[in-house]
N, C-alpha and C. Protein backbone atom coordinates (compact mmCIF):
# COMPACT_ATOMS: atom_id res chain seq x y z
N UNK A 1 164.16 166.08 38.57
CA UNK A 1 163.33 167.12 39.16
C UNK A 1 163.76 167.37 40.59
N UNK A 2 163.78 168.65 41.00
CA UNK A 2 164.19 168.99 42.35
C UNK A 2 163.11 168.63 43.36
N UNK A 3 163.48 168.62 44.63
CA UNK A 3 162.53 168.33 45.70
C UNK A 3 161.57 169.49 45.86
N UNK A 4 160.29 169.19 46.01
CA UNK A 4 159.28 170.24 46.15
C UNK A 4 159.52 171.04 47.42
N UNK A 5 159.39 172.38 47.36
CA UNK A 5 159.57 173.19 48.56
C UNK A 5 158.48 172.95 49.60
N UNK A 6 157.31 172.49 49.17
CA UNK A 6 156.21 172.18 50.08
C UNK A 6 155.15 171.39 49.31
N UNK A 7 154.21 170.81 50.04
CA UNK A 7 153.18 169.99 49.41
C UNK A 7 152.32 170.80 48.45
N UNK A 8 151.98 172.03 48.83
CA UNK A 8 151.10 172.85 47.99
C UNK A 8 151.75 173.11 46.63
N UNK A 9 153.05 173.41 46.64
CA UNK A 9 153.76 173.66 45.38
C UNK A 9 153.79 172.40 44.52
N UNK A 10 154.01 171.25 45.17
CA UNK A 10 154.03 169.98 44.44
C UNK A 10 152.66 169.67 43.85
N UNK A 11 151.61 169.86 44.63
CA UNK A 11 150.25 169.60 44.15
C UNK A 11 149.91 170.51 42.97
N UNK A 12 150.25 171.79 43.08
CA UNK A 12 149.95 172.75 42.02
C UNK A 12 150.68 172.38 40.74
N UNK A 13 151.92 171.94 40.88
CA UNK A 13 152.71 171.55 39.71
C UNK A 13 152.11 170.33 39.02
N UNK A 14 151.74 169.32 39.80
CA UNK A 14 151.15 168.11 39.22
C UNK A 14 149.81 168.40 38.57
N UNK A 15 149.03 169.30 39.18
CA UNK A 15 147.73 169.67 38.62
C UNK A 15 147.92 170.37 37.28
N UNK A 16 148.88 171.31 37.22
CA UNK A 16 149.14 172.02 35.97
C UNK A 16 149.59 171.06 34.88
N UNK A 17 150.43 170.12 35.24
CA UNK A 17 150.94 169.15 34.27
C UNK A 17 149.80 168.30 33.70
N UNK A 18 148.93 167.83 34.56
CA UNK A 18 147.82 166.97 34.11
C UNK A 18 146.79 167.76 33.31
N UNK A 19 146.48 168.99 33.74
CA UNK A 19 145.53 169.81 33.00
C UNK A 19 146.07 170.16 31.62
N UNK A 20 147.36 170.53 31.59
CA UNK A 20 147.95 170.91 30.32
C UNK A 20 147.92 169.80 29.30
N UNK A 21 148.27 168.60 29.73
CA UNK A 21 148.34 167.48 28.80
C UNK A 21 146.97 166.91 28.46
N UNK A 22 146.06 166.92 29.43
CA UNK A 22 144.76 166.26 29.23
C UNK A 22 143.71 167.15 28.57
N UNK A 23 143.71 168.45 28.91
CA UNK A 23 142.62 169.31 28.45
C UNK A 23 143.05 170.40 27.47
N UNK A 24 144.32 170.77 27.48
CA UNK A 24 144.76 171.88 26.64
C UNK A 24 145.76 171.45 25.56
N UNK A 25 145.97 170.15 25.42
CA UNK A 25 146.89 169.63 24.40
C UNK A 25 148.19 170.42 24.38
N UNK A 26 148.74 170.64 25.56
CA UNK A 26 149.92 171.48 25.71
C UNK A 26 151.10 170.96 24.89
N UNK A 27 151.68 171.85 24.10
CA UNK A 27 152.90 171.54 23.34
C UNK A 27 154.02 172.45 23.83
N UNK A 28 155.19 171.88 23.98
CA UNK A 28 156.37 172.65 24.37
C UNK A 28 157.37 172.55 23.23
N UNK A 29 157.69 173.67 22.60
CA UNK A 29 158.61 173.70 21.49
C UNK A 29 159.99 174.14 21.95
N UNK A 30 161.02 173.49 21.45
CA UNK A 30 162.41 173.81 21.78
C UNK A 30 162.71 173.65 23.28
N UNK A 31 162.22 172.57 23.83
CA UNK A 31 162.44 172.31 25.26
C UNK A 31 163.93 172.21 25.59
N UNK A 32 164.73 171.82 24.61
CA UNK A 32 166.17 171.66 24.84
C UNK A 32 166.87 172.98 25.16
N UNK A 33 166.19 174.10 24.92
CA UNK A 33 166.77 175.41 25.21
C UNK A 33 166.57 175.84 26.67
N UNK A 34 165.79 175.10 27.42
CA UNK A 34 165.50 175.47 28.81
C UNK A 34 166.77 175.50 29.65
N UNK A 35 166.88 176.53 30.47
CA UNK A 35 167.98 176.61 31.43
C UNK A 35 167.57 175.75 32.63
N UNK A 36 168.22 174.62 32.78
CA UNK A 36 167.82 173.66 33.81
C UNK A 36 168.65 173.77 35.08
N UNK A 37 169.83 174.33 34.97
CA UNK A 37 170.70 174.46 36.14
C UNK A 37 171.20 175.89 36.25
N UNK A 38 171.37 176.34 37.47
CA UNK A 38 171.90 177.67 37.69
C UNK A 38 170.83 178.74 37.61
N UNK A 39 171.21 179.97 37.90
CA UNK A 39 170.23 181.07 37.95
C UNK A 39 169.75 181.49 36.57
N UNK A 40 168.57 182.10 36.53
CA UNK A 40 168.03 182.63 35.28
C UNK A 40 166.85 183.54 35.58
N UNK A 41 166.67 184.53 34.71
CA UNK A 41 165.47 185.34 34.70
C UNK A 41 164.65 184.87 33.50
N UNK A 42 163.47 184.35 33.75
CA UNK A 42 162.58 183.86 32.70
C UNK A 42 161.59 184.98 32.38
N UNK A 43 161.52 185.38 31.12
CA UNK A 43 160.59 186.45 30.72
C UNK A 43 159.60 185.87 29.71
N UNK A 44 158.32 186.20 29.89
CA UNK A 44 157.28 185.64 29.02
C UNK A 44 156.16 186.64 28.82
N UNK A 45 155.45 186.51 27.70
CA UNK A 45 154.25 187.30 27.49
C UNK A 45 153.14 186.76 28.39
N UNK A 46 152.10 187.57 28.58
CA UNK A 46 151.06 187.22 29.56
C UNK A 46 149.69 187.26 28.91
N UNK A 47 149.06 186.08 28.74
CA UNK A 47 147.76 185.99 28.08
C UNK A 47 146.61 185.68 29.02
N UNK A 48 146.87 184.86 30.04
CA UNK A 48 145.79 184.47 30.95
C UNK A 48 146.34 183.97 32.27
N UNK A 49 145.43 183.62 33.18
CA UNK A 49 145.84 183.07 34.47
C UNK A 49 146.53 181.72 34.33
N UNK A 50 146.42 181.09 33.16
CA UNK A 50 147.05 179.79 32.95
C UNK A 50 148.56 179.91 32.70
N UNK A 51 149.02 181.08 32.37
CA UNK A 51 150.43 181.25 31.99
C UNK A 51 151.42 180.77 33.05
N UNK A 52 151.31 181.23 34.31
CA UNK A 52 152.30 180.79 35.31
C UNK A 52 152.40 179.28 35.48
N UNK A 53 151.27 178.56 35.69
CA UNK A 53 151.41 177.12 35.86
C UNK A 53 151.83 176.38 34.60
N UNK A 54 151.36 176.84 33.42
CA UNK A 54 151.73 176.16 32.18
C UNK A 54 153.22 176.33 31.87
N UNK A 55 153.78 177.49 32.20
CA UNK A 55 155.20 177.72 31.97
C UNK A 55 156.02 177.11 33.10
N UNK A 56 155.58 177.29 34.33
CA UNK A 56 156.35 176.84 35.47
C UNK A 56 156.64 175.35 35.49
N UNK A 57 155.66 174.55 35.11
CA UNK A 57 155.84 173.11 35.26
C UNK A 57 156.72 172.48 34.17
N UNK A 58 157.06 173.23 33.10
CA UNK A 58 157.91 172.64 32.07
C UNK A 58 159.38 172.62 32.50
N UNK A 59 159.72 173.38 33.54
CA UNK A 59 161.09 173.35 34.05
C UNK A 59 161.25 172.16 34.99
N UNK A 60 162.36 171.44 34.88
CA UNK A 60 162.56 170.27 35.74
C UNK A 60 162.71 170.63 37.21
N UNK A 61 163.14 171.86 37.50
CA UNK A 61 163.28 172.31 38.88
C UNK A 61 162.23 173.38 39.19
N UNK A 62 161.83 173.46 40.43
CA UNK A 62 160.82 174.44 40.83
C UNK A 62 161.37 175.86 40.65
N UNK A 63 160.53 176.75 40.15
CA UNK A 63 160.94 178.13 39.92
C UNK A 63 160.13 179.07 40.81
N UNK A 64 160.55 180.34 40.84
CA UNK A 64 159.83 181.38 41.56
C UNK A 64 159.07 182.24 40.55
N UNK A 65 158.07 182.95 41.04
CA UNK A 65 157.22 183.76 40.16
C UNK A 65 157.13 185.19 40.72
N UNK A 66 157.36 186.17 39.87
CA UNK A 66 157.14 187.56 40.25
C UNK A 66 155.70 187.90 39.89
N UNK A 67 154.90 188.32 40.86
CA UNK A 67 153.47 188.55 40.63
C UNK A 67 153.04 189.88 41.25
N UNK A 68 152.02 190.48 40.67
CA UNK A 68 151.56 191.77 41.18
C UNK A 68 151.02 191.63 42.59
N UNK A 69 151.33 192.58 43.42
CA UNK A 69 151.05 192.50 44.85
C UNK A 69 149.56 192.37 45.19
N UNK A 70 148.68 192.86 44.31
CA UNK A 70 147.24 192.81 44.59
C UNK A 70 146.69 191.39 44.61
N UNK A 71 147.43 190.43 44.03
CA UNK A 71 146.96 189.04 44.01
C UNK A 71 146.97 188.41 45.40
N UNK A 72 147.66 189.03 46.35
CA UNK A 72 147.72 188.52 47.73
C UNK A 72 146.49 188.94 48.54
N UNK A 73 145.67 189.85 48.02
CA UNK A 73 144.59 190.43 48.81
C UNK A 73 143.35 189.55 49.00
N UNK A 74 142.86 188.84 47.96
CA UNK A 74 141.67 188.02 48.16
C UNK A 74 141.88 186.96 49.25
N UNK A 75 140.82 186.62 49.99
CA UNK A 75 140.95 185.60 51.05
C UNK A 75 141.53 184.29 50.54
N UNK A 76 142.51 183.77 51.25
CA UNK A 76 143.12 182.50 50.90
C UNK A 76 144.27 182.60 49.91
N UNK A 77 144.33 183.70 49.16
CA UNK A 77 145.37 183.83 48.15
C UNK A 77 146.75 184.07 48.76
N UNK A 78 146.78 184.67 49.93
CA UNK A 78 148.06 184.92 50.60
C UNK A 78 148.80 183.60 50.82
N UNK A 79 148.08 182.60 51.32
CA UNK A 79 148.67 181.28 51.56
C UNK A 79 149.12 180.64 50.26
N UNK A 80 148.26 180.68 49.24
CA UNK A 80 148.57 180.03 47.97
C UNK A 80 149.78 180.67 47.30
N UNK A 81 149.81 182.00 47.25
CA UNK A 81 150.90 182.69 46.57
C UNK A 81 152.23 182.44 47.26
N UNK A 82 152.24 182.51 48.58
CA UNK A 82 153.48 182.30 49.32
C UNK A 82 154.00 180.87 49.17
N UNK A 83 153.10 179.89 49.16
CA UNK A 83 153.53 178.50 49.08
C UNK A 83 153.86 178.07 47.65
N UNK A 84 153.54 178.90 46.66
CA UNK A 84 153.93 178.61 45.28
C UNK A 84 155.18 179.40 44.88
N UNK A 85 155.88 179.92 45.89
CA UNK A 85 157.13 180.63 45.68
C UNK A 85 156.95 181.89 44.84
N UNK A 86 155.89 182.63 45.13
CA UNK A 86 155.64 183.89 44.42
C UNK A 86 156.22 185.06 45.20
N UNK A 87 156.69 186.04 44.47
CA UNK A 87 157.27 187.25 45.05
C UNK A 87 156.39 188.43 44.66
N UNK A 88 155.80 189.14 45.63
CA UNK A 88 154.92 190.28 45.29
C UNK A 88 155.71 191.49 44.82
N UNK A 89 155.14 192.23 43.86
CA UNK A 89 155.82 193.42 43.36
C UNK A 89 154.79 194.41 42.81
N UNK A 90 155.09 195.69 42.95
CA UNK A 90 154.36 196.74 42.27
C UNK A 90 155.09 196.97 40.96
N UNK A 91 154.49 196.57 39.83
CA UNK A 91 155.22 196.57 38.56
C UNK A 91 155.58 197.98 38.10
N UNK A 92 154.76 198.97 38.47
CA UNK A 92 155.03 200.34 38.04
C UNK A 92 156.20 200.95 38.79
N UNK A 93 156.23 200.71 40.10
CA UNK A 93 157.31 201.24 40.94
C UNK A 93 157.76 200.16 41.91
N UNK A 94 158.60 199.24 41.46
CA UNK A 94 159.05 198.14 42.33
C UNK A 94 159.71 198.66 43.60
N UNK A 95 159.34 198.07 44.72
CA UNK A 95 159.92 198.48 45.99
C UNK A 95 161.22 197.71 46.23
N UNK A 96 162.12 198.27 47.05
CA UNK A 96 163.41 197.62 47.30
C UNK A 96 163.28 196.19 47.82
N UNK A 97 162.26 195.93 48.65
CA UNK A 97 162.11 194.59 49.23
C UNK A 97 161.90 193.54 48.14
N UNK A 98 161.09 193.86 47.12
CA UNK A 98 160.84 192.91 46.03
C UNK A 98 162.10 192.66 45.23
N UNK A 99 162.84 193.73 44.93
CA UNK A 99 164.07 193.60 44.17
C UNK A 99 165.09 192.75 44.93
N UNK A 100 165.18 192.98 46.25
CA UNK A 100 166.11 192.21 47.08
C UNK A 100 165.75 190.73 47.06
N UNK A 101 164.45 190.41 47.11
CA UNK A 101 164.02 189.01 47.09
C UNK A 101 164.40 188.35 45.76
N UNK A 102 164.20 189.07 44.65
CA UNK A 102 164.56 188.51 43.35
C UNK A 102 166.07 188.28 43.28
N UNK A 103 166.84 189.26 43.72
CA UNK A 103 168.30 189.12 43.72
C UNK A 103 168.75 187.95 44.57
N UNK A 104 168.10 187.77 45.71
CA UNK A 104 168.46 186.68 46.61
C UNK A 104 168.21 185.33 45.95
N UNK A 105 167.11 185.21 45.22
CA UNK A 105 166.78 183.95 44.56
C UNK A 105 167.80 183.63 43.46
N UNK A 106 168.04 184.58 42.56
CA UNK A 106 168.92 184.30 41.43
C UNK A 106 170.38 184.14 41.87
N UNK A 107 170.80 184.92 42.85
CA UNK A 107 172.17 184.78 43.34
C UNK A 107 172.37 183.48 44.11
N UNK A 108 171.25 182.89 44.53
CA UNK A 108 171.32 181.60 45.19
C UNK A 108 171.18 180.44 44.21
N UNK A 109 171.14 180.77 42.91
CA UNK A 109 171.07 179.73 41.89
C UNK A 109 169.67 179.41 41.41
N UNK A 110 168.67 180.20 41.80
CA UNK A 110 167.28 179.94 41.42
C UNK A 110 166.86 180.67 40.16
N UNK A 111 165.66 180.38 39.69
CA UNK A 111 165.09 181.00 38.51
C UNK A 111 163.79 181.72 38.88
N UNK A 112 163.60 182.90 38.28
CA UNK A 112 162.40 183.70 38.56
C UNK A 112 161.69 183.99 37.25
N UNK A 113 160.39 183.70 37.20
CA UNK A 113 159.58 184.00 36.03
C UNK A 113 158.96 185.39 36.18
N UNK A 114 159.19 186.24 35.17
CA UNK A 114 158.66 187.60 35.16
C UNK A 114 157.80 187.79 33.92
N UNK A 115 156.64 188.43 34.10
CA UNK A 115 155.81 188.84 32.96
C UNK A 115 156.01 190.35 32.79
N UNK A 116 156.91 190.76 31.89
CA UNK A 116 157.24 192.19 31.78
C UNK A 116 156.06 193.10 31.47
N UNK A 117 155.02 192.57 30.81
CA UNK A 117 153.85 193.40 30.50
C UNK A 117 153.11 193.82 31.77
N UNK A 118 153.32 193.07 32.85
CA UNK A 118 152.74 193.44 34.13
C UNK A 118 151.34 192.94 34.38
N UNK A 119 150.58 192.70 33.34
CA UNK A 119 149.22 192.20 33.49
C UNK A 119 148.84 191.43 32.22
N UNK A 120 147.71 190.75 32.27
CA UNK A 120 147.28 189.96 31.12
C UNK A 120 146.92 190.85 29.93
N UNK A 121 147.23 190.35 28.76
CA UNK A 121 146.91 191.07 27.53
C UNK A 121 145.40 191.11 27.33
N UNK A 122 144.89 192.26 26.93
CA UNK A 122 143.45 192.40 26.70
C UNK A 122 143.03 191.87 25.34
N UNK A 123 143.99 191.69 24.43
CA UNK A 123 143.64 191.23 23.08
C UNK A 123 144.46 190.02 22.63
N UNK A 124 145.33 189.50 23.50
CA UNK A 124 146.14 188.34 23.15
C UNK A 124 147.46 188.69 22.49
N UNK A 125 147.64 189.96 22.09
CA UNK A 125 148.89 190.37 21.46
C UNK A 125 149.97 190.63 22.52
N UNK A 126 151.20 190.73 22.07
CA UNK A 126 152.32 191.03 22.96
C UNK A 126 152.52 192.54 23.00
N UNK A 127 152.51 193.12 24.19
CA UNK A 127 152.58 194.57 24.34
C UNK A 127 153.90 195.01 24.99
N UNK A 128 153.99 196.28 25.33
CA UNK A 128 155.20 196.83 25.91
C UNK A 128 155.37 196.40 27.36
N UNK A 129 156.61 196.47 27.83
CA UNK A 129 156.90 196.15 29.22
C UNK A 129 156.48 197.30 30.13
N UNK A 130 156.09 196.97 31.34
CA UNK A 130 155.79 198.00 32.34
C UNK A 130 157.08 198.74 32.68
N UNK A 131 156.98 200.02 33.03
CA UNK A 131 158.18 200.82 33.31
C UNK A 131 159.08 200.24 34.39
N UNK A 132 158.50 199.66 35.43
CA UNK A 132 159.31 199.19 36.55
C UNK A 132 160.12 197.94 36.27
N UNK A 133 159.79 197.22 35.20
CA UNK A 133 160.51 195.98 34.89
C UNK A 133 161.98 196.27 34.56
N UNK A 134 162.23 197.36 33.86
CA UNK A 134 163.60 197.72 33.51
C UNK A 134 164.45 197.96 34.74
N UNK A 135 163.84 198.51 35.79
CA UNK A 135 164.58 198.75 37.03
C UNK A 135 165.04 197.44 37.63
N UNK A 136 164.17 196.44 37.63
CA UNK A 136 164.54 195.13 38.17
C UNK A 136 165.65 194.50 37.33
N UNK A 137 165.49 194.54 36.00
CA UNK A 137 166.48 193.93 35.10
C UNK A 137 167.84 194.62 35.22
N UNK A 138 167.83 195.92 35.53
CA UNK A 138 169.09 196.66 35.62
C UNK A 138 169.96 196.18 36.78
N UNK A 139 169.37 195.43 37.69
CA UNK A 139 170.13 194.92 38.84
C UNK A 139 170.69 193.51 38.59
N UNK A 140 170.45 192.97 37.40
CA UNK A 140 170.74 191.55 37.18
C UNK A 140 171.82 191.29 36.14
N UNK A 141 172.86 192.08 36.17
CA UNK A 141 173.97 191.87 35.25
C UNK A 141 174.59 190.49 35.48
N UNK A 142 174.88 189.80 34.38
CA UNK A 142 175.52 188.49 34.48
C UNK A 142 174.57 187.32 34.66
N UNK A 143 173.26 187.61 34.74
CA UNK A 143 172.27 186.55 34.89
C UNK A 143 171.66 186.24 33.52
N UNK A 144 171.64 184.99 33.07
CA UNK A 144 171.05 184.68 31.77
C UNK A 144 169.54 184.93 31.74
N UNK A 145 169.07 185.39 30.60
CA UNK A 145 167.64 185.65 30.39
C UNK A 145 167.08 184.55 29.50
N UNK A 146 165.98 183.94 29.95
CA UNK A 146 165.33 182.87 29.19
C UNK A 146 164.00 183.38 28.66
N UNK A 147 163.91 183.73 27.36
CA UNK A 147 162.63 184.20 26.81
C UNK A 147 161.70 183.03 26.49
N UNK A 148 160.43 183.21 26.80
CA UNK A 148 159.42 182.19 26.52
C UNK A 148 158.16 182.87 25.97
N UNK A 149 157.56 182.22 24.99
CA UNK A 149 156.33 182.75 24.41
C UNK A 149 155.21 181.73 24.59
N UNK A 150 154.07 182.21 25.06
CA UNK A 150 152.92 181.32 25.23
C UNK A 150 151.82 181.77 24.27
N UNK A 151 151.21 180.82 23.60
CA UNK A 151 150.14 181.09 22.64
C UNK A 151 148.97 180.14 22.91
N UNK A 152 147.77 180.66 22.74
CA UNK A 152 146.57 179.84 22.92
C UNK A 152 145.90 180.02 24.26
N UNK A 153 146.63 180.47 25.27
CA UNK A 153 146.04 180.64 26.60
C UNK A 153 144.98 181.73 26.60
N UNK A 154 145.17 182.73 25.74
CA UNK A 154 144.18 183.81 25.65
C UNK A 154 142.84 183.27 25.17
N UNK A 155 142.87 182.32 24.24
CA UNK A 155 141.63 181.73 23.73
C UNK A 155 140.92 180.89 24.79
N UNK A 156 141.69 180.39 25.75
CA UNK A 156 141.10 179.56 26.80
C UNK A 156 140.40 180.39 27.87
N UNK A 157 141.03 181.51 28.26
CA UNK A 157 140.48 182.30 29.35
C UNK A 157 140.94 183.75 29.24
N UNK A 158 140.33 184.51 28.32
CA UNK A 158 140.69 185.92 28.18
C UNK A 158 140.13 186.74 29.35
N UNK A 159 140.59 187.96 29.48
CA UNK A 159 140.08 188.85 30.53
C UNK A 159 138.57 189.04 30.35
N UNK A 160 137.83 188.88 31.43
CA UNK A 160 136.38 189.08 31.39
C UNK A 160 135.57 187.87 30.96
N UNK A 161 136.24 186.78 30.63
CA UNK A 161 135.53 185.58 30.17
C UNK A 161 134.70 184.99 31.31
N UNK A 162 133.50 184.54 30.99
CA UNK A 162 132.62 183.92 31.97
C UNK A 162 132.70 182.40 31.95
N UNK A 163 133.35 181.88 30.93
CA UNK A 163 133.47 180.42 30.82
C UNK A 163 134.83 180.05 30.26
N UNK A 164 135.34 178.93 30.73
CA UNK A 164 136.63 178.42 30.28
C UNK A 164 136.45 177.60 29.01
N UNK A 165 137.36 177.78 28.05
CA UNK A 165 137.35 176.99 26.82
C UNK A 165 138.61 176.12 26.79
N UNK A 166 138.45 174.90 26.40
CA UNK A 166 139.58 173.98 26.32
C UNK A 166 140.18 174.03 24.91
N UNK A 167 141.13 174.94 24.74
CA UNK A 167 141.80 175.15 23.46
C UNK A 167 143.27 174.77 23.60
N UNK A 168 143.93 174.42 22.50
CA UNK A 168 145.36 174.06 22.57
C UNK A 168 146.23 175.22 23.03
N UNK A 169 147.22 174.91 23.85
CA UNK A 169 148.18 175.90 24.33
C UNK A 169 149.58 175.47 23.89
N UNK A 170 150.35 176.42 23.38
CA UNK A 170 151.73 176.15 22.96
C UNK A 170 152.68 177.04 23.74
N UNK A 171 153.72 176.44 24.30
CA UNK A 171 154.77 177.18 24.99
C UNK A 171 156.05 177.01 24.16
N UNK A 172 156.58 178.13 23.66
CA UNK A 172 157.78 178.10 22.82
C UNK A 172 158.95 178.70 23.59
N UNK A 173 160.05 177.98 23.62
CA UNK A 173 161.23 178.39 24.38
C UNK A 173 162.25 179.04 23.45
N UNK A 174 162.67 180.26 23.80
CA UNK A 174 163.67 180.97 23.01
C UNK A 174 165.08 180.70 23.51
N UNK A 175 166.05 181.14 22.74
CA UNK A 175 167.45 180.95 23.11
C UNK A 175 167.83 181.91 24.25
N UNK A 176 168.48 181.40 25.28
CA UNK A 176 168.92 182.27 26.38
C UNK A 176 169.95 183.29 25.90
N UNK A 177 170.01 184.41 26.57
CA UNK A 177 170.99 185.44 26.25
C UNK A 177 171.30 186.24 27.51
N UNK A 178 172.34 187.06 27.41
CA UNK A 178 172.72 187.92 28.52
C UNK A 178 172.48 189.37 28.14
N UNK A 179 172.06 190.18 29.10
CA UNK A 179 171.93 191.61 28.87
C UNK A 179 173.33 192.21 28.85
N UNK A 180 173.59 193.06 27.88
CA UNK A 180 174.93 193.63 27.75
C UNK A 180 175.27 194.53 28.94
N UNK A 181 176.54 194.68 29.18
CA UNK A 181 176.99 195.50 30.30
C UNK A 181 176.50 196.94 30.20
N UNK A 182 176.51 197.51 29.00
CA UNK A 182 176.08 198.89 28.83
C UNK A 182 174.61 199.07 29.16
N UNK A 183 173.78 198.14 28.68
CA UNK A 183 172.35 198.28 28.91
C UNK A 183 171.99 198.08 30.37
N UNK A 184 172.67 197.16 31.04
CA UNK A 184 172.36 196.90 32.45
C UNK A 184 172.84 198.02 33.34
N UNK A 185 173.94 198.67 32.96
CA UNK A 185 174.51 199.72 33.79
C UNK A 185 173.74 201.04 33.69
N UNK A 186 172.84 201.15 32.73
CA UNK A 186 172.07 202.39 32.60
C UNK A 186 171.13 202.57 33.79
N UNK A 187 171.21 203.71 34.43
CA UNK A 187 170.42 203.95 35.64
C UNK A 187 169.21 204.85 35.41
N UNK A 188 169.17 205.57 34.28
CA UNK A 188 168.05 206.49 34.08
C UNK A 188 166.85 205.74 33.50
N UNK A 189 165.72 206.43 33.45
CA UNK A 189 164.48 205.79 33.01
C UNK A 189 164.54 205.38 31.54
N UNK A 190 165.24 206.15 30.74
CA UNK A 190 165.35 205.81 29.32
C UNK A 190 166.06 204.48 29.14
N UNK A 191 167.14 204.28 29.88
CA UNK A 191 167.90 203.03 29.79
C UNK A 191 167.07 201.86 30.30
N UNK A 192 166.30 202.10 31.35
CA UNK A 192 165.47 201.03 31.91
C UNK A 192 164.33 200.66 30.98
N UNK A 193 163.75 201.65 30.30
CA UNK A 193 162.73 201.34 29.30
C UNK A 193 163.31 200.52 28.16
N UNK A 194 164.56 200.84 27.79
CA UNK A 194 165.22 200.10 26.72
C UNK A 194 165.42 198.64 27.11
N UNK A 195 165.70 198.38 28.39
CA UNK A 195 165.83 197.00 28.86
C UNK A 195 164.50 196.27 28.71
N UNK A 196 163.42 196.94 29.09
CA UNK A 196 162.09 196.32 28.94
C UNK A 196 161.77 196.01 27.50
N UNK A 197 162.12 196.95 26.60
CA UNK A 197 161.87 196.74 25.18
C UNK A 197 162.69 195.56 24.64
N UNK A 198 163.92 195.44 25.13
CA UNK A 198 164.80 194.37 24.66
C UNK A 198 164.22 193.00 24.99
N UNK A 199 163.73 192.81 26.21
CA UNK A 199 163.20 191.50 26.58
C UNK A 199 161.89 191.21 25.85
N UNK A 200 161.07 192.25 25.63
CA UNK A 200 159.83 192.01 24.89
C UNK A 200 160.13 191.66 23.43
N UNK A 201 161.14 192.29 22.85
CA UNK A 201 161.54 191.96 21.47
C UNK A 201 162.03 190.51 21.39
N UNK A 202 162.72 190.05 22.43
CA UNK A 202 163.22 188.67 22.42
C UNK A 202 162.07 187.67 22.48
N UNK A 203 160.97 188.04 23.13
CA UNK A 203 159.80 187.17 23.20
C UNK A 203 159.08 187.16 21.84
N UNK A 204 158.91 188.34 21.24
CA UNK A 204 158.26 188.43 19.93
C UNK A 204 159.03 187.67 18.86
N UNK A 205 160.35 187.62 19.01
CA UNK A 205 161.21 187.02 17.99
C UNK A 205 161.16 185.50 17.97
N UNK A 206 160.56 184.91 18.99
CA UNK A 206 160.50 183.44 19.04
C UNK A 206 159.56 182.93 17.95
N UNK A 207 160.06 182.07 17.10
CA UNK A 207 159.24 181.51 16.03
C UNK A 207 158.35 180.40 16.59
N UNK A 208 157.09 180.46 16.25
CA UNK A 208 156.14 179.44 16.68
C UNK A 208 155.78 178.58 15.48
N UNK A 209 156.20 177.34 15.51
CA UNK A 209 155.97 176.40 14.41
C UNK A 209 154.68 175.62 14.68
N UNK A 210 153.59 176.01 14.03
CA UNK A 210 152.33 175.29 14.20
C UNK A 210 152.25 174.13 13.21
């Protein structure tokens, strides 16, 4: 495991690990497929607030998280998000600063977790990618993509829930792949939407063995 970037990130990681194993019976399927060294874009479906910590802590090295910019607004969240290596982004229309930060991380050998749907699923199903995700992916030619599927987190804490339920959570790791040169080089909106569809299809395709 790599050295923690700061105490807050280390504490959050240890808390997620203990909660996952003790209260949510966390299972990780196909852990051997994880990209442990070198850069990667991690793409996953989004079911609840538990997704980032449950996915993040299964990697032996600390990763970065792409998160919607509004999460920085509540009091105290600015400190937490920054110290957990989160990168703010407007998913509909990503700004150049966010894209540059992502590029800087992956070109420096780091990994960034992206939820292409942009927000939590309202019904637990896997939906389409937000339009702006394709723009970000179009800048990442040559970077391996690590698809991950999370199941059960929606049952624990769906949108609007007033109480937390301790239900089993499963994280399934898909086979890494590279975006083809043709798809990454597409600059128009149609090509960028196709990139978003491709990564969502790779997440749906992950077999979950219960």
